[in-house]
């Protein structure tokens, strides 16, 4: 997971979880169903708004969102 120092604030961006445009580290999260020829649309999320969770029985890593 790549972490960026600050969000791209163009287009009045707000974190989908905390609904703020605070300048703090973010990551890009792919949007399911938007894949096209190896390219996927993404949304920015503040790192501190997400908590990684490993579903060991399914071998899947997901994220719980902190509200």
PDB file of N, CA and C in Angstrom:
ATOM      1  N   UNK A   1       0.852  -1.166   0.000  1.00  0.00           N
ATOM      2  CA  UNK A   1       0.000   0.000   0.000  1.00  0.00           C
ATOM      3  C   UNK A   1       0.903   1.235   0.000  1.00  0.00           C
ATOM      4  N   UNK A   2       0.736   2.064  -0.984  1.00  0.00           N
ATOM      5  CA  UNK A   2       1.516   3.293  -1.075  1.00  0.00           C
ATOM      6  C   UNK A   2       0.829   4.390  -0.263  1.00  0.00           C
ATOM      7  N   UNK A   3       1.651   5.119   0.495  1.00  0.00           N
ATOM      8  CA  UNK A   3       1.141   6.220   1.306  1.00  0.00           C
ATOM      9  C   UNK A   3       1.660   7.525   0.712  1.00  0.00           C
ATOM     10  N   UNK A   4       0.769   8.473   0.556  1.00  0.00           N
ATOM     11  CA  UNK A   4       1.121   9.794   0.048  1.00  0.00           C
ATOM     12  C   UNK A   4       1.074  10.784   1.202  1.00  0.00           C
ATOM     13  N   UNK A   5       1.985  11.742   1.186  1.00  0.00           N
ATOM     14  CA  UNK A   5       2.128  12.709   2.278  1.00  0.00           C
ATOM     15  C   UNK A   5       0.876  13.549   2.499  1.00  0.00           C
ATOM     16  N   UNK A   6       0.178  13.860   1.410  1.00  0.00           N
ATOM     17  CA  UNK A   6      -1.009  14.704   1.513  1.00  0.00           C
ATOM     18  C   UNK A   6      -1.956  14.372   0.371  1.00  0.00           C
ATOM     19  N   UNK A   7      -3.240  14.690   0.528  1.00  0.00           N
ATOM     20  CA  UNK A   7      -4.207  14.397  -0.530  1.00  0.00           C
ATOM     21  C   UNK A   7      -4.103  15.383  -1.685  1.00  0.00           C
ATOM     22  N   UNK A   8      -4.641  14.964  -2.814  1.00  0.00           N
ATOM     23  CA  UNK A   8      -4.847  15.863  -3.936  1.00  0.00           C
ATOM     24  C   UNK A   8      -6.176  16.566  -3.653  1.00  0.00           C
ATOM     25  N   UNK A   9      -6.123  17.851  -3.390  1.00  0.00           N
ATOM     26  CA  UNK A   9      -7.316  18.578  -2.958  1.00  0.00           C
ATOM     27  C   UNK A   9      -8.136  19.174  -4.099  1.00  0.00           C
ATOM     28  N   UNK A  10      -7.812  18.786  -5.331  1.00  0.00           N
ATOM     29  CA  UNK A  10      -8.612  19.277  -6.448  1.00  0.00           C
ATOM     30  C   UNK A  10     -10.021  18.678  -6.395  1.00  0.00           C
ATOM     31  N   UNK A  11     -10.927  19.331  -7.027  1.00  0.00           N
ATOM     32  CA  UNK A  11     -12.328  18.884  -7.103  1.00  0.00           C
ATOM     33  C   UNK A  11     -12.991  18.769  -5.732  1.00  0.00           C
ATOM     34  N   UNK A  12     -12.611  19.647  -4.812  1.00  0.00           N
ATOM     35  CA  UNK A  12     -13.255  19.697  -3.478  1.00  0.00           C
ATOM     36  C   UNK A  12     -13.272  18.343  -2.779  1.00  0.00           C
ATOM     37  N   UNK A  13     -12.170  17.621  -2.825  1.00  0.00           N
ATOM     38  CA  UNK A  13     -12.087  16.294  -2.221  1.00  0.00           C
ATOM     39  C   UNK A  13     -12.319  16.336  -0.719  1.00  0.00           C
ATOM     40  N   UNK A  14     -13.008  15.315  -0.210  1.00  0.00           N
ATOM     41  CA  UNK A  14     -13.165  15.075   1.220  1.00  0.00           C
ATOM     42  C   UNK A  14     -13.019  13.578   1.444  1.00  0.00           C
ATOM     43  N   UNK A  15     -12.370  13.201   2.542  1.00  0.00           N
ATOM     44  CA  UNK A  15     -12.223  11.783   2.890  1.00  0.00           C
ATOM     45  C   UNK A  15     -13.619  11.174   3.038  1.00  0.00           C
ATOM     46  N   UNK A  16     -13.863  10.017   2.418  1.00  0.00           N
ATOM     47  CA  UNK A  16     -15.186   9.384   2.509  1.00  0.00           C
ATOM     48  C   UNK A  16     -15.575   8.972   3.929  1.00  0.00           C
ATOM     49  N   UNK A  17     -14.596   8.836   4.831  1.00  0.00           N
ATOM     50  CA  UNK A  17     -14.895   8.398   6.198  1.00  0.00           C
ATOM     51  C   UNK A  17     -15.159   9.582   7.116  1.00  0.00           C
ATOM     52  N   UNK A  18     -14.182  10.497   7.235  1.00  0.00           N
ATOM     53  CA  UNK A  18     -14.309  11.599   8.197  1.00  0.00           C
ATOM     54  C   UNK A  18     -14.934  12.849   7.597  1.00  0.00           C
ATOM     55  N   UNK A  19     -15.116  12.850   6.281  1.00  0.00           N
ATOM     56  CA  UNK A  19     -15.758  13.961   5.564  1.00  0.00           C
ATOM     57  C   UNK A  19     -15.004  15.286   5.700  1.00  0.00           C
ATOM     58  N   UNK A  20     -13.662  15.214   5.916  1.00  0.00           N
ATOM     59  CA  UNK A  20     -12.853  16.435   5.973  1.00  0.00           C
ATOM     60  C   UNK A  20     -11.834  16.415   4.840  1.00  0.00           C
ATOM     61  N   UNK A  21     -11.253  17.563   4.594  1.00  0.00           N
ATOM     62  CA  UNK A  21     -10.180  17.657   3.600  1.00  0.00           C
ATOM     63  C   UNK A  21      -8.857  17.978   4.302  1.00  0.00           C
ATOM     64  N   UNK A  22      -8.701  17.461   5.516  1.00  0.00           N
ATOM     65  CA  UNK A  22      -7.481  17.690   6.292  1.00  0.00           C
ATOM     66  C   UNK A  22      -6.256  17.253   5.496  1.00  0.00           C
ATOM     67  N   UNK A  23      -5.191  18.042   5.606  1.00  0.00           N
ATOM     68  CA  UNK A  23      -3.935  17.726   4.913  1.00  0.00           C
ATOM     69  C   UNK A  23      -3.123  16.820   5.815  1.00  0.00           C
ATOM     70  N   UNK A  24      -3.241  15.518   5.557  1.00  0.00           N
ATOM     71  CA  UNK A  24      -2.500  14.489   6.287  1.00  0.00           C
ATOM     72  C   UNK A  24      -2.367  13.281   5.375  1.00  0.00           C
ATOM     73  N   UNK A  25      -1.540  12.292   5.730  1.00  0.00           N
ATOM     74  CA  UNK A  25      -1.269  11.168   4.824  1.00  0.00           C
ATOM     75  C   UNK A  25      -2.535  10.433   4.363  1.00  0.00           C
ATOM     76  N   UNK A  26      -2.486  10.030   3.086  1.00  0.00           N
ATOM     77  CA  UNK A  26      -3.605   9.295   2.482  1.00  0.00           C
ATOM     78  C   UNK A  26      -3.059   8.088   1.718  1.00  0.00           C
ATOM     79  N   UNK A  27      -3.974   7.197   1.362  1.00  0.00           N
ATOM     80  CA  UNK A  27      -3.678   6.119   0.428  1.00  0.00           C
ATOM     81  C   UNK A  27      -4.810   6.065  -0.582  1.00  0.00           C
ATOM     82  N   UNK A  28      -4.540   5.417  -1.702  1.00  0.00           N
ATOM     83  CA  UNK A  28      -5.570   5.248  -2.723  1.00  0.00           C
ATOM     84  C   UNK A  28      -6.183   3.862  -2.576  1.00  0.00           C
ATOM     85  N   UNK A  29      -7.499   3.793  -2.642  1.00  0.00           N
ATOM     86  CA  UNK A  29      -8.232   2.525  -2.537  1.00  0.00           C
ATOM     87  C   UNK A  29      -8.987   2.323  -3.843  1.00  0.00           C
ATOM     88  N   UNK A  30      -8.735   1.180  -4.491  1.00  0.00           N
ATOM     89  CA  UNK A  30      -9.409   0.873  -5.748  1.00  0.00           C
ATOM     90  C   UNK A  30     -10.907   0.701  -5.571  1.00  0.00           C
ATOM     91  N   UNK A  31     -11.662   1.131  -6.574  1.00  0.00           N
ATOM     92  CA  UNK A  31     -13.121   1.015  -6.543  1.00  0.00           C
ATOM     93  C   UNK A  31     -13.519  -0.233  -7.332  1.00  0.00           C
ATOM     94  N   UNK A  32     -14.077  -1.210  -6.634  1.00  0.00           N
ATOM     95  CA  UNK A  32     -14.472  -2.476  -7.250  1.00  0.00           C
ATOM     96  C   UNK A  32     -15.407  -2.232  -8.435  1.00  0.00           C
ATOM     97  N   UNK A  33     -15.161  -2.972  -9.516  1.00  0.00           N
ATOM     98  CA  UNK A  33     -16.018  -2.897 -10.692  1.00  0.00           C
ATOM     99  C   UNK A  33     -15.618  -1.822 -11.690  1.00  0.00           C
ATOM    100  N   UNK A  34     -14.526  -1.085 -11.413  1.00  0.00           N
ATOM    101  CA  UNK A  34     -14.121  -0.023 -12.335  1.00  0.00           C
ATOM    102  C   UNK A  34     -12.872  -0.386 -13.131  1.00  0.00           C
ATOM    103  N   UNK A  35     -12.438  -1.639 -13.050  1.00  0.00           N
ATOM    104  CA  UNK A  35     -11.239  -2.059 -13.769  1.00  0.00           C
ATOM    105  C   UNK A  35     -11.480  -2.025 -15.273  1.00  0.00           C
ATOM    106  N   UNK A  36     -10.473  -1.511 -15.997  1.00  0.00           N
ATOM    107  CA  UNK A  36     -10.548  -1.474 -17.456  1.00  0.00           C
ATOM    108  C   UNK A  36      -9.142  -1.559 -18.004  1.00  0.00           C
ATOM    109  N   UNK A  37      -8.812  -2.686 -18.621  1.00  0.00           N
ATOM    110  CA  UNK A  37      -7.510  -2.887 -19.246  1.00  0.00           C
ATOM    111  C   UNK A  37      -6.354  -2.632 -18.273  1.00  0.00           C
ATOM    112  N   UNK A  38      -6.489  -3.148 -17.056  1.00  0.00           N
ATOM    113  CA  UNK A  38      -5.424  -3.040 -16.058  1.00  0.00           C
ATOM    114  C   UNK A  38      -5.403  -1.734 -15.282  1.00  0.00           C
ATOM    115  N   UNK A  39      -6.365  -0.862 -15.526  1.00  0.00           N
ATOM    116  CA  UNK A  39      -6.452   0.417 -14.816  1.00  0.00           C
ATOM    117  C   UNK A  39      -7.717   0.405 -13.968  1.00  0.00           C
ATOM    118  N   UNK A  40      -7.601   0.902 -12.729  1.00  0.00           N
ATOM    119  CA  UNK A  40      -8.758   0.933 -11.831  1.00  0.00           C
ATOM    120  C   UNK A  40      -8.922   2.341 -11.265  1.00  0.00           C
ATOM    121  N   UNK A  41     -10.169   2.780 -11.150  1.00  0.00           N
ATOM    122  CA  UNK A  41     -10.445   4.062 -10.506  1.00  0.00           C
ATOM    123  C   UNK A  41     -10.204   3.911  -9.012  1.00  0.00           C
ATOM    124  N   UNK A  42      -9.747   4.980  -8.371  1.00  0.00           N
ATOM    125  CA  UNK A  42      -9.441   4.954  -6.941  1.00  0.00           C
ATOM    126  C   UNK A  42     -10.044   6.142  -6.226  1.00  0.00           C
ATOM    127  N   UNK A  43     -10.154   6.010  -4.922  1.00  0.00           N
ATOM    128  CA  UNK A  43     -10.583   7.104  -4.053  1.00  0.00           C
ATOM    129  C   UNK A  43      -9.511   7.282  -2.977  1.00  0.00           C
ATOM    130  N   UNK A  44      -9.277   8.526  -2.573  1.00  0.00           N
ATOM    131  CA  UNK A  44      -8.314   8.824  -1.512  1.00  0.00           C
ATOM    132  C   UNK A  44      -8.975   8.624  -0.146  1.00  0.00           C
ATOM    133  N   UNK A  45      -8.237   8.030   0.784  1.00  0.00           N
ATOM    134  CA  UNK A  45      -8.685   7.872   2.164  1.00  0.00           C
ATOM    135  C   UNK A  45      -7.554   8.308   3.085  1.00  0.00           C
ATOM    136  N   UNK A  46      -7.875   9.052   4.145  1.00  0.00           N
ATOM    137  CA  UNK A  46      -6.867   9.339   5.160  1.00  0.00           C
ATOM    138  C   UNK A  46      -6.425   8.014   5.793  1.00  0.00           C
ATOM    139  N   UNK A  47      -5.127   7.859   5.969  1.00  0.00           N
ATOM    140  CA  UNK A  47      -4.599   6.633   6.580  1.00  0.00           C
ATOM    141  C   UNK A  47      -5.183   6.415   7.972  1.00  0.00           C
ATOM    142  N   UNK A  48      -5.291   7.469   8.766  1.00  0.00           N
ATOM    143  CA  UNK A  48      -5.760   7.286  10.141  1.00  0.00           C
ATOM    144  C   UNK A  48      -7.274   7.070  10.240  1.00  0.00           C
ATOM    145  N   UNK A  49      -7.968   7.037   9.119  1.00  0.00           N
ATOM    146  CA  UNK A  49      -9.400   6.719   9.106  1.00  0.00           C
ATOM    147  C   UNK A  49      -9.659   5.241   8.817  1.00  0.00           C
ATOM    148  N   UNK A  50      -8.573   4.471   8.604  1.00  0.00           N
ATOM    149  CA  UNK A  50      -8.719   3.055   8.256  1.00  0.00           C
ATOM    150  C   UNK A  50      -7.909   2.177   9.204  1.00  0.00           C
ATOM    151  N   UNK A  51      -8.439   1.019   9.515  1.00  0.00           N
ATOM    152  CA  UNK A  51      -7.773   0.039  10.379  1.00  0.00           C
ATOM    153  C   UNK A  51      -7.682  -1.278   9.614  1.00  0.00           C
ATOM    154  N   UNK A  52      -6.448  -1.737   9.287  1.00  0.00           N
ATOM    155  CA  UNK A  52      -6.332  -3.004   8.550  1.00  0.00           C
ATOM    156  C   UNK A  52      -6.847  -4.184   9.379  1.00  0.00           C
ATOM    157  N   UNK A  53      -7.531  -5.103   8.707  1.00  0.00           N
ATOM    158  CA  UNK A  53      -8.073  -6.304   9.347  1.00  0.00           C
ATOM    159  C   UNK A  53      -7.778  -7.507   8.442  1.00  0.00           C
ATOM    160  N   UNK A  54      -7.181  -8.556   9.025  1.00  0.00           N
ATOM    161  CA  UNK A  54      -6.885  -9.763   8.259  1.00  0.00           C
ATOM    162  C   UNK A  54      -7.947 -10.809   8.556  1.00  0.00           C
ATOM    163  N   UNK A  55      -8.660 -11.231   7.523  1.00  0.00           N
ATOM    164  CA  UNK A  55      -9.635 -12.322   7.634  1.00  0.00           C
ATOM    165  C   UNK A  55      -8.863 -13.603   7.318  1.00  0.00           C
ATOM    166  N   UNK A  56      -8.219 -14.152   8.336  1.00  0.00           N
ATOM    167  CA  UNK A  56      -7.282 -15.264   8.164  1.00  0.00           C
ATOM    168  C   UNK A  56      -7.921 -16.473   7.487  1.00  0.00           C
ATOM    169  N   UNK A  57      -9.162 -16.791   7.842  1.00  0.00           N
ATOM    170  CA  UNK A  57      -9.826 -17.966   7.273  1.00  0.00           C
ATOM    171  C   UNK A  57     -10.087 -17.820   5.770  1.00  0.00           C
ATOM    172  N   UNK A  58     -10.153 -16.568   5.289  1.00  0.00           N
ATOM    173  CA  UNK A  58     -10.400 -16.314   3.870  1.00  0.00           C
ATOM    174  C   UNK A  58      -9.151 -15.800   3.149  1.00  0.00           C
ATOM    175  N   UNK A  59      -8.067 -15.600   3.913  1.00  0.00           N
ATOM    176  CA  UNK A  59      -6.814 -15.070   3.378  1.00  0.00           C
ATOM    177  C   UNK A  59      -7.037 -13.739   2.647  1.00  0.00           C
ATOM    178  N   UNK A  60      -7.792 -12.844   3.316  1.00  0.00           N
ATOM    179  CA  UNK A  60      -8.130 -11.541   2.756  1.00  0.00           C
ATOM    180  C   UNK A  60      -7.799 -10.456   3.774  1.00  0.00           C
ATOM    181  N   UNK A  61      -7.173  -9.386   3.311  1.00  0.00           N
ATOM    182  CA  UNK A  61      -6.954  -8.214   4.151  1.00  0.00           C
ATOM    183  C   UNK A  61      -7.980  -7.153   3.742  1.00  0.00           C
ATOM    184  N   UNK A  62      -8.668  -6.632   4.702  1.00  0.00           N
ATOM    185  CA  UNK A  62      -9.639  -5.574   4.463  1.00  0.00           C
ATOM    186  C   UNK A  62      -9.393  -4.436   5.426  1.00  0.00           C
ATOM    187  N   UNK A  63     -10.269  -3.481   5.431  1.00  0.00           N
ATOM    188  CA  UNK A  63     -10.117  -2.329   6.308  1.00  0.00           C
ATOM    189  C   UNK A  63     -11.429  -2.030   7.018  1.00  0.00           C
ATOM    190  N   UNK A  64     -11.341  -1.846   8.328  1.00  0.00           N
ATOM    191  CA  UNK A  64     -12.465  -1.313   9.088  1.00  0.00           C
ATOM    192  C   UNK A  64     -12.310   0.192   9.050  1.00  0.00           C
ATOM    193  N   UNK A  65     -13.401   0.896   8.880  1.00  0.00           N
ATOM    194  CA  UNK A  65     -13.349   2.354   8.797  1.00  0.00           C
ATOM    195  C   UNK A  65     -13.642   2.944  10.174  1.00  0.00           C
ATOM    196  N   UNK A  66     -12.792   3.873  10.591  1.00  0.00           N
ATOM    197  CA  UNK A  66     -12.948   4.545  11.880  1.00  0.00           C
ATOM    198  C   UNK A  66     -13.819   5.769  11.671  1.00  0.00           C
ATOM    199  N   UNK A  67     -14.943   5.806  12.361  1.00  0.00           N
ATOM    200  CA  UNK A  67     -15.825   6.974  12.210  1.00  0.00           C
ATOM    201  C   UNK A  67     -15.837   7.772  13.473  1.00  0.00           C
TER     202      UNK A  67
END
